[in-house]
Amino acid sequence: MPFALGGAGIATEGLGAATSIIGGVLGYQAAQGEYQSQSNIASMQQQINALHVQGMELTGRRNSLEVLRNEQKARSLALTGATNQGAAQSSGLQGGYGQISGQGGTNLLGIAQNLSLGRQEATIQSSIIGQQLQASKYASQAATASGISSLGGGIFSAGQGLFSAGTNPSGTLNQPGPQ
């Protein structure tokens, strides 16, 4: 009778160990899949970030050109107005030119400052994405370690079951004998 119970115990522990092993392997595969997905997401976020920077740079260049064109228009209008009034050689025209150039410079400075802020934001966003990827990597490693630990526990448990079923308190093997 003890041999039959020992066999059932071994079978139950073997089933538990196999289930534990399968769970560990599946957990490991899931962790690897999650990490790969997070890595892909981070890569796509970096691409979006790069597109935002390109768009910002393009808008900055367009705005700068618009400021320069407006400055040229304002200079032309000032010269036309001064010429119509007979003051084309006056210091007033030169002062007007100075004011136009000053306003254009202020506008260009504002565009340059906004571009600088946008670049800084893009750099920080890129760092955040990198940290998210690292966090995902560590979570994957933790899940892998947990799976390995579970696998080891299952193997250890199976080994204990085999050992305890194969011996009795006196240390000899339990074997069916004559009854």
C-alpha atoms as a PDB file:
ATOM      1  CA  MET A   1       0.000   0.000   0.000  1.00  0.00           C
ATOM      2  CA  PRO A   2       2.719   2.569   0.799  1.00  0.00           C
ATOM      3  CA  PHE A   3       4.226   1.967  -2.644  1.00  0.00           C
ATOM      4  CA  ALA A   4       0.927   2.819  -4.377  1.00  0.00           C
ATOM      5  CA  LEU A   5       0.522   6.036  -2.367  1.00  0.00           C
ATOM      6  CA  GLY A   6       4.146   6.930  -3.068  1.00  0.00           C
ATOM      7  CA  GLY A   7       3.572   6.431  -6.784  1.00  0.00           C
ATOM      8  CA  ALA A   8       0.493   8.662  -6.702  1.00  0.00           C
ATOM      9  CA  GLY A   9       2.446  11.266  -4.751  1.00  0.00           C
ATOM     10  CA  ILE A  10       5.271  11.146  -7.267  1.00  0.00           C
ATOM     11  CA  ALA A  11       2.813  11.491 -10.134  1.00  0.00           C
ATOM     12  CA  THR A  12       1.100  14.456  -8.472  1.00  0.00           C
ATOM     13  CA  GLU A  13       4.403  16.165  -7.737  1.00  0.00           C
ATOM     14  CA  GLY A  14       5.584  15.443 -11.273  1.00  0.00           C
ATOM     15  CA  LEU A  15       2.425  17.018 -12.664  1.00  0.00           C
ATOM     16  CA  GLY A  16       2.944  20.042 -10.397  1.00  0.00           C
ATOM     17  CA  ALA A  17       6.565  20.338 -11.492  1.00  0.00           C
ATOM     18  CA  ALA A  18       5.607  20.062 -15.168  1.00  0.00           C
ATOM     19  CA  THR A  19       2.942  22.718 -14.724  1.00  0.00           C
ATOM     20  CA  SER A  20       5.451  24.929 -12.949  1.00  0.00           C
ATOM     21  CA  ILE A  21       7.969  24.435 -15.756  1.00  0.00           C
ATOM     22  CA  ILE A  22       5.397  25.216 -18.441  1.00  0.00           C
ATOM     23  CA  GLY A  23       4.279  28.305 -16.524  1.00  0.00           C
ATOM     24  CA  GLY A  24       7.887  29.481 -16.217  1.00  0.00           C
ATOM     25  CA  VAL A  25       8.537  29.017 -19.925  1.00  0.00           C
ATOM     26  CA  LEU A  26       5.306  30.772 -20.893  1.00  0.00           C
ATOM     27  CA  GLY A  27       6.061  33.610 -18.476  1.00  0.00           C
ATOM     28  CA  TYR A  28       9.515  33.997 -19.989  1.00  0.00           C
ATOM     29  CA  GLN A  29       8.092  34.078 -23.525  1.00  0.00           C
ATOM     30  CA  ALA A  30       5.467  36.627 -22.509  1.00  0.00           C
ATOM     31  CA  ALA A  31       8.108  38.832 -20.879  1.00  0.00           C
ATOM     32  CA  GLN A  32      10.239  38.690 -24.012  1.00  0.00           C
ATOM     33  CA  GLY A  33       7.219  39.562 -26.178  1.00  0.00           C
ATOM     34  CA  GLU A  34       6.313  42.466 -23.909  1.00  0.00           C
ATOM     35  CA  TYR A  35       9.866  43.793 -24.016  1.00  0.00           C
ATOM     36  CA  GLN A  36       9.939  43.548 -27.819  1.00  0.00           C
ATOM     37  CA  SER A  37       6.618  45.391 -28.061  1.00  0.00           C
ATOM     38  CA  GLN A  38       7.828  48.107 -25.681  1.00  0.00           C
ATOM     39  CA  SER A  39      11.027  48.399 -27.698  1.00  0.00           C
ATOM     40  CA  ASN A  40       9.028  48.794 -30.917  1.00  0.00           C
ATOM     41  CA  ILE A  41       6.792  51.427 -29.295  1.00  0.00           C
ATOM     42  CA  ALA A  42       9.830  53.367 -28.063  1.00  0.00           C
ATOM     43  CA  SER A  43      11.340  53.283 -31.548  1.00  0.00           C
ATOM     44  CA  MET A  44       8.114  54.607 -33.069  1.00  0.00           C
ATOM     45  CA  GLN A  45       7.903  57.331 -30.406  1.00  0.00           C
ATOM     46  CA  GLN A  46      11.455  58.364 -31.297  1.00  0.00           C
ATOM     47  CA  GLN A  47      10.433  58.568 -34.965  1.00  0.00           C
ATOM     48  CA  ILE A  48       7.434  60.740 -34.065  1.00  0.00           C
ATOM     49  CA  ASN A  49       9.697  62.930 -31.938  1.00  0.00           C
ATOM     50  CA  ALA A  50      12.094  63.339 -34.895  1.00  0.00           C
ATOM     51  CA  LEU A  51       9.174  64.302 -37.156  1.00  0.00           C
ATOM     52  CA  HIS A  52       8.046  66.932 -34.639  1.00  0.00           C
ATOM     53  CA  VAL A  53      11.557  68.382 -34.577  1.00  0.00           C
ATOM     54  CA  GLN A  54      11.690  68.449 -38.391  1.00  0.00           C
ATOM     55  CA  GLY A  55       8.315  70.181 -38.514  1.00  0.00           C
ATOM     56  CA  MET A  56       9.410  72.690 -35.896  1.00  0.00           C
ATOM     57  CA  GLU A  57      12.641  73.426 -37.795  1.00  0.00           C
ATOM     58  CA  LEU A  58      10.720  73.853 -41.060  1.00  0.00           C
ATOM     59  CA  THR A  59       8.220  76.203 -39.428  1.00  0.00           C
ATOM     60  CA  GLY A  60      11.085  78.169 -37.896  1.00  0.00           C
ATOM     61  CA  ARG A  61      12.767  78.588 -41.288  1.00  0.00           C
ATOM     62  CA  ARG A  62       9.489  79.643 -42.893  1.00  0.00           C
ATOM     63  CA  ASN A  63       8.788  82.149 -40.129  1.00  0.00           C
ATOM     64  CA  SER A  64      12.315  83.558 -40.404  1.00  0.00           C
ATOM     65  CA  LEU A  65      11.914  84.043 -44.148  1.00  0.00           C
ATOM     66  CA  GLU A  66       8.552  85.697 -43.588  1.00  0.00           C
ATOM     67  CA  VAL A  67      10.125  88.123 -41.094  1.00  0.00           C
ATOM     68  CA  LEU A  68      12.843  88.997 -43.627  1.00  0.00           C
ATOM     69  CA  ARG A  69      10.267  89.471 -46.422  1.00  0.00           C
ATOM     70  CA  ASN A  70       8.143  91.679 -44.181  1.00  0.00           C
ATOM     71  CA  GLU A  71      11.220  93.675 -43.289  1.00  0.00           C
ATOM     72  CA  GLN A  72      11.995  94.183 -46.999  1.00  0.00           C
ATOM     73  CA  LYS A  73       8.385  95.255 -47.649  1.00  0.00           C
ATOM     74  CA  ALA A  74       8.490  97.714 -44.772  1.00  0.00           C
ATOM     75  CA  ARG A  75      11.774  99.179 -46.091  1.00  0.00           C
ATOM     76  CA  SER A  76      10.247  99.565 -49.555  1.00  0.00           C
ATOM     77  CA  LEU A  77       7.151 101.255 -48.161  1.00  0.00           C
ATOM     78  CA  ALA A  78       9.304 103.572 -46.039  1.00  0.00           C
ATOM     79  CA  LEU A  79      11.437 104.520 -49.054  1.00  0.00           C
ATOM     80  CA  THR A  80       8.352 105.068 -51.231  1.00  0.00           C
ATOM     81  CA  GLY A  81       6.728 107.228 -48.574  1.00  0.00           C
ATOM     82  CA  ALA A  82       9.889 109.252 -47.993  1.00  0.00           C
ATOM     83  CA  THR A  83      10.438 109.719 -51.741  1.00  0.00           C
ATOM     84  CA  ASN A  84       6.829 110.912 -52.243  1.00  0.00           C
ATOM     85  CA  GLN A  85       7.366 113.478 -49.483  1.00  0.00           C
ATOM     86  CA  GLY A  86      10.757 114.542 -50.838  1.00  0.00           C
ATOM     87  CA  ALA A  87      12.600 113.154 -47.819  1.00  0.00           C
ATOM     88  CA  ALA A  88      14.473 110.289 -49.471  1.00  0.00           C
ATOM     89  CA  GLN A  89      17.792 111.638 -48.219  1.00  0.00           C
ATOM     90  CA  SER A  90      16.603 112.557 -44.742  1.00  0.00           C
ATOM     91  CA  SER A  91      17.726 111.141 -41.430  1.00  0.00           C
ATOM     92  CA  GLY A  92      14.084 110.264 -40.739  1.00  0.00           C
ATOM     93  CA  LEU A  93      14.237 107.589 -43.430  1.00  0.00           C
ATOM     94  CA  GLN A  94      17.409 106.175 -41.883  1.00  0.00           C
ATOM     95  CA  GLY A  95      15.712 106.137 -38.475  1.00  0.00           C
ATOM     96  CA  GLY A  96      12.750 104.321 -39.995  1.00  0.00           C
ATOM     97  CA  TYR A  97      15.117 101.767 -41.491  1.00  0.00           C
ATOM     98  CA  GLY A  98      16.702 101.284 -38.078  1.00  0.00           C
ATOM     99  CA  GLN A  99      13.314 100.741 -36.457  1.00  0.00           C
ATOM    100  CA  ILE A 100      12.333  98.228 -39.157  1.00  0.00           C
ATOM    101  CA  SER A 101      15.615  96.336 -38.743  1.00  0.00           C
ATOM    102  CA  GLY A 102      15.262  96.365 -34.960  1.00  0.00           C
ATOM    103  CA  GLN A 103      11.756  94.919 -35.104  1.00  0.00           C
ATOM    104  CA  GLY A 104      12.879  92.284 -37.618  1.00  0.00           C
ATOM    105  CA  GLY A 105      15.785  91.327 -35.349  1.00  0.00           C
ATOM    106  CA  THR A 106      13.444  91.037 -32.353  1.00  0.00           C
ATOM    107  CA  ASN A 107      11.112  88.797 -34.342  1.00  0.00           C
ATOM    108  CA  LEU A 108      13.986  86.603 -35.528  1.00  0.00           C
ATOM    109  CA  LEU A 109      15.275  86.334 -31.952  1.00  0.00           C
ATOM    110  CA  GLY A 110      11.843  85.143 -30.793  1.00  0.00           C
ATOM    111  CA  ILE A 111      11.805  82.483 -33.510  1.00  0.00           C
ATOM    112  CA  ALA A 112      15.330  81.342 -32.563  1.00  0.00           C
ATOM    113  CA  GLN A 113      14.389  81.160 -28.872  1.00  0.00           C
ATOM    114  CA  ASN A 114      11.281  79.096 -29.643  1.00  0.00           C
ATOM    115  CA  LEU A 115      13.354  76.732 -31.777  1.00  0.00           C
ATOM    116  CA  SER A 116      15.840  76.349 -28.937  1.00  0.00           C
ATOM    117  CA  LEU A 117      13.060  75.524 -26.468  1.00  0.00           C
ATOM    118  CA  GLY A 118      11.577  73.025 -28.924  1.00  0.00           C
ATOM    119  CA  ARG A 119      14.947  71.318 -29.359  1.00  0.00           C
ATOM    120  CA  GLN A 120      15.377  71.083 -25.580  1.00  0.00           C
ATOM    121  CA  GLU A 121      11.898  69.589 -25.238  1.00  0.00           C
ATOM    122  CA  ALA A 122      12.676  67.034 -27.956  1.00  0.00           C
ATOM    123  CA  THR A 123      15.890  66.055 -26.161  1.00  0.00           C
ATOM    124  CA  ILE A 124      14.035  65.578 -22.872  1.00  0.00           C
ATOM    125  CA  GLN A 125      11.275  63.601 -24.628  1.00  0.00           C
ATOM    126  CA  SER A 126      13.911  61.361 -26.183  1.00  0.00           C
ATOM    127  CA  SER A 127      15.443  60.756 -22.737  1.00  0.00           C
ATOM    128  CA  ILE A 128      12.029  59.879 -21.299  1.00  0.00           C
ATOM    129  CA  ILE A 129      11.457  57.351 -24.083  1.00  0.00           C
ATOM    130  CA  GLY A 130      14.878  55.830 -23.352  1.00  0.00           C
ATOM    131  CA  GLN A 131      14.032  55.527 -19.652  1.00  0.00           C
ATOM    132  CA  GLN A 132      10.684  53.887 -20.478  1.00  0.00           C
ATOM    133  CA  LEU A 133      12.531  51.367 -22.619  1.00  0.00           C
ATOM    134  CA  GLN A 134      14.987  50.661 -19.776  1.00  0.00           C
ATOM    135  CA  ALA A 135      12.093  50.183 -17.334  1.00  0.00           C
ATOM    136  CA  SER A 136      10.500  47.715 -19.742  1.00  0.00           C
ATOM    137  CA  LYS A 137      13.805  45.873 -20.079  1.00  0.00           C
ATOM    138  CA  TYR A 138      14.137  45.558 -16.299  1.00  0.00           C
ATOM    139  CA  ALA A 139      10.520  44.374 -15.986  1.00  0.00           C
ATOM    140  CA  SER A 140      11.262  41.727 -18.607  1.00  0.00           C
ATOM    141  CA  GLN A 141      14.377  40.639 -16.716  1.00  0.00           C
ATOM    142  CA  ALA A 142      12.372  40.444 -13.479  1.00  0.00           C
ATOM    143  CA  ALA A 143       9.722  38.300 -15.162  1.00  0.00           C
ATOM    144  CA  THR A 144      12.453  36.078 -16.603  1.00  0.00           C
ATOM    145  CA  ALA A 145      14.044  35.690 -13.167  1.00  0.00           C
ATOM    146  CA  SER A 146      10.653  34.886 -11.658  1.00  0.00           C
ATOM    147  CA  GLY A 147      10.077  32.247 -14.328  1.00  0.00           C
ATOM    148  CA  ILE A 148      13.471  30.685 -13.695  1.00  0.00           C
ATOM    149  CA  SER A 149      12.807  30.724  -9.953  1.00  0.00           C
ATOM    150  CA  SER A 150       9.442  29.059 -10.482  1.00  0.00           C
ATOM    151  CA  LEU A 151      11.059  26.475 -12.722  1.00  0.00           C
ATOM    152  CA  GLY A 152      13.731  25.769 -10.107  1.00  0.00           C
ATOM    153  CA  GLY A 153      11.092  25.463  -7.391  1.00  0.00           C
ATOM    154  CA  GLY A 154       9.157  22.960  -9.473  1.00  0.00           C
ATOM    155  CA  ILE A 155      12.239  20.866 -10.157  1.00  0.00           C
ATOM    156  CA  PHE A 156      13.249  21.003  -6.489  1.00  0.00           C
ATOM    157  CA  SER A 157       9.756  19.956  -5.410  1.00  0.00           C
ATOM    158  CA  ALA A 158       9.766  17.040  -7.843  1.00  0.00           C
ATOM    159  CA  GLY A 159      13.154  15.956  -6.557  1.00  0.00           C
ATOM    160  CA  GLN A 160      11.945  16.052  -2.962  1.00  0.00           C
ATOM    161  CA  GLY A 161       8.889  13.996  -3.881  1.00  0.00           C
ATOM    162  CA  LEU A 162      10.988  11.362  -5.585  1.00  0.00           C
ATOM    163  CA  PHE A 163      13.332  11.204  -2.657  1.00  0.00           C
ATOM    164  CA  SER A 164      10.614  10.952   0.008  1.00  0.00           C
ATOM    165  CA  ALA A 165       8.609   8.376  -1.951  1.00  0.00           C
ATOM    166  CA  GLY A 166      11.648   6.215  -2.539  1.00  0.00           C
ATOM    167  CA  THR A 167      12.724   5.881   1.087  1.00  0.00           C
ATOM    168  CA  ASN A 168      11.097   5.122   4.388  1.00  0.00           C
ATOM    169  CA  PRO A 169      12.160   6.345   7.811  1.00  0.00           C
ATOM    170  CA  SER A 170      14.756   3.572   8.108  1.00  0.00           C
ATOM    171  CA  GLY A 171      16.370   4.728   4.844  1.00  0.00           C
ATOM    172  CA  THR A 172      15.585   1.604   2.845  1.00  0.00           C
ATOM    173  CA  LEU A 173      13.567   1.569  -0.309  1.00  0.00           C
ATOM    174  CA  ASN A 174       9.837   0.996  -0.032  1.00  0.00           C
ATOM    175  CA  GLN A 175       9.200  -2.087  -2.064  1.00  0.00           C
ATOM    176  CA  PRO A 176       6.108  -4.205  -2.217  1.00  0.00           C
ATOM    177  CA  GLY A 177       6.733  -7.352  -0.325  1.00  0.00           C
ATOM    178  CA  PRO A 178       4.770 -10.454   0.526  1.00  0.00           C
ATOM    179  CA  GLN A 179       1.717  -9.741   2.592  1.00  0.00           C
END
